[in-house]
Amino acid sequence: MSAIAEVTKLAASIVANLPIIKGIHSAEEHEQALALMDVLLEDYDANLVVIEALSNVITRYEDQSEEFEAFNYRQSELEPAVAMQTVIMSNKDPSVPSSD
């Protein structure tokens, strides 16, 4: 069997066993994907390929879901340097108010 055919067979097996890898369509599936990601990260090296694929699916959902619309808008309006400085300062001094 050629390498391409083997990879195609493995990809089909992954999708059959983990259909969420094709896309997240609800908040419940999003929660399931996040929980699965937590488990996969426990053995990062062994799960790297699935972690990469799942992280792309999660990102796509979070970028397109109405559930994250306000958050994404707020993030797009932040000045990156100011946001980073706020994070750094709040990690050093818990009395620094967050940017929320």
Protein backbone atom coordinates (compact mmCIF):
# COMPACT_ATOMS: atom_id res chain seq x y z
CA MET A 1 0.00 0.00 0.00
CA SER A 2 1.37 3.41 -0.90
CA ALA A 3 2.03 6.03 1.75
CA ILE A 4 -0.78 8.25 0.40
CA ALA A 5 -3.28 5.41 0.50
CA GLU A 6 -2.20 4.55 4.06
CA VAL A 7 -2.58 8.18 5.21
CA THR A 8 -5.99 8.39 3.53
CA LYS A 9 -7.06 5.19 5.30
CA LEU A 10 -5.82 6.52 8.65
CA ALA A 11 -7.62 9.84 8.12
CA ALA A 12 -10.87 8.02 7.36
CA SER A 13 -10.42 5.97 10.52
CA ILE A 14 -9.85 9.09 12.62
CA VAL A 15 -12.99 10.75 11.22
CA ALA A 16 -15.03 7.58 11.77
CA ASN A 17 -13.91 7.37 15.39
CA LEU A 18 -13.93 11.10 16.06
CA PRO A 19 -16.60 12.75 13.87
CA ILE A 20 -16.22 16.06 15.72
CA ILE A 21 -12.95 16.50 13.81
CA LYS A 22 -15.06 17.44 10.76
CA GLY A 23 -16.60 20.39 12.58
CA ILE A 24 -18.34 21.64 15.69
CA HIS A 25 -22.00 22.57 15.31
CA SER A 26 -23.18 23.34 18.84
CA ALA A 27 -22.08 24.60 22.22
CA GLU A 28 -22.34 21.03 23.54
CA GLU A 29 -19.96 19.74 20.85
CA HIS A 30 -17.63 22.64 21.64
CA GLU A 31 -17.53 21.59 25.30
CA GLN A 32 -16.86 17.99 24.25
CA ALA A 33 -14.02 19.13 22.00
CA LEU A 34 -12.46 21.18 24.80
CA ALA A 35 -12.70 18.24 27.20
CA LEU A 36 -11.13 15.95 24.62
CA MET A 37 -8.35 18.49 24.06
CA ASP A 38 -7.57 18.44 27.79
CA VAL A 39 -7.14 14.66 27.64
CA LEU A 40 -5.06 14.73 24.45
CA LEU A 41 -2.70 17.35 25.86
CA GLU A 42 -1.72 14.98 28.66
CA ASP A 43 0.37 13.10 26.09
CA TYR A 44 1.16 15.91 23.67
CA ASP A 45 3.83 14.16 21.61
CA ALA A 46 1.75 11.05 20.97
CA ASN A 47 -1.38 13.06 20.11
CA LEU A 48 0.16 15.97 18.18
CA VAL A 49 -1.58 15.31 14.86
CA VAL A 50 -5.02 15.01 16.45
CA ILE A 51 -4.33 18.03 18.70
CA GLU A 52 -3.48 20.15 15.64
CA ALA A 53 -6.61 19.04 13.78
CA LEU A 54 -8.88 19.48 16.79
CA SER A 55 -7.44 22.89 17.64
CA ASN A 56 -8.24 24.05 14.10
CA VAL A 57 -11.81 22.81 14.46
CA ILE A 58 -12.19 24.56 17.83
CA THR A 59 -10.73 27.81 16.47
CA ARG A 60 -13.01 27.75 13.43
CA TYR A 61 -16.06 27.26 15.69
CA GLU A 62 -14.99 30.03 18.09
CA ASP A 63 -14.33 32.41 15.18
CA GLN A 64 -17.73 31.78 13.57
CA SER A 65 -20.10 31.09 16.48
CA GLU A 66 -22.53 33.76 17.62
CA GLU A 67 -21.72 32.61 21.16
CA PHE A 68 -18.26 34.18 20.80
CA GLU A 69 -19.23 37.19 18.69
CA ALA A 70 -18.98 39.78 21.49
CA PHE A 71 -15.72 38.32 22.76
CA ASN A 72 -14.19 38.24 19.27
CA TYR A 73 -15.25 41.83 18.64
CA ARG A 74 -13.76 42.97 21.93
CA GLN A 75 -10.52 41.14 21.15
CA SER A 76 -10.29 42.72 17.70
CA GLU A 77 -10.60 46.19 19.22
CA LEU A 78 -7.76 45.73 21.71
CA GLU A 79 -4.41 47.37 21.14
CA PRO A 80 -2.05 44.35 21.30
CA ALA A 81 0.72 46.11 23.22
CA VAL A 82 -1.67 47.50 25.83
CA ALA A 83 -3.41 44.14 26.20
CA MET A 84 -0.09 42.35 26.71
CA GLN A 85 1.07 44.91 29.25
CA THR A 86 -2.20 44.53 31.16
CA VAL A 87 -1.79 40.75 31.27
CA ILE A 88 1.81 41.02 32.44
CA MET A 89 0.95 43.58 35.11
CA SER A 90 -2.06 41.65 36.39
CA ASN A 91 0.07 38.52 36.73
CA LYS A 92 2.58 40.42 38.84
CA ASP A 93 0.11 42.39 40.93
CA PRO A 94 -3.36 40.93 41.54
CA SER A 95 -4.68 44.37 42.51
CA VAL A 96 -4.33 45.62 38.90
CA PRO A 97 -7.84 45.65 37.41
CA SER A 98 -8.46 43.53 34.34
CA SER A 99 -9.32 45.13 31.00
CA ASP A 100 -12.89 43.72 31.05
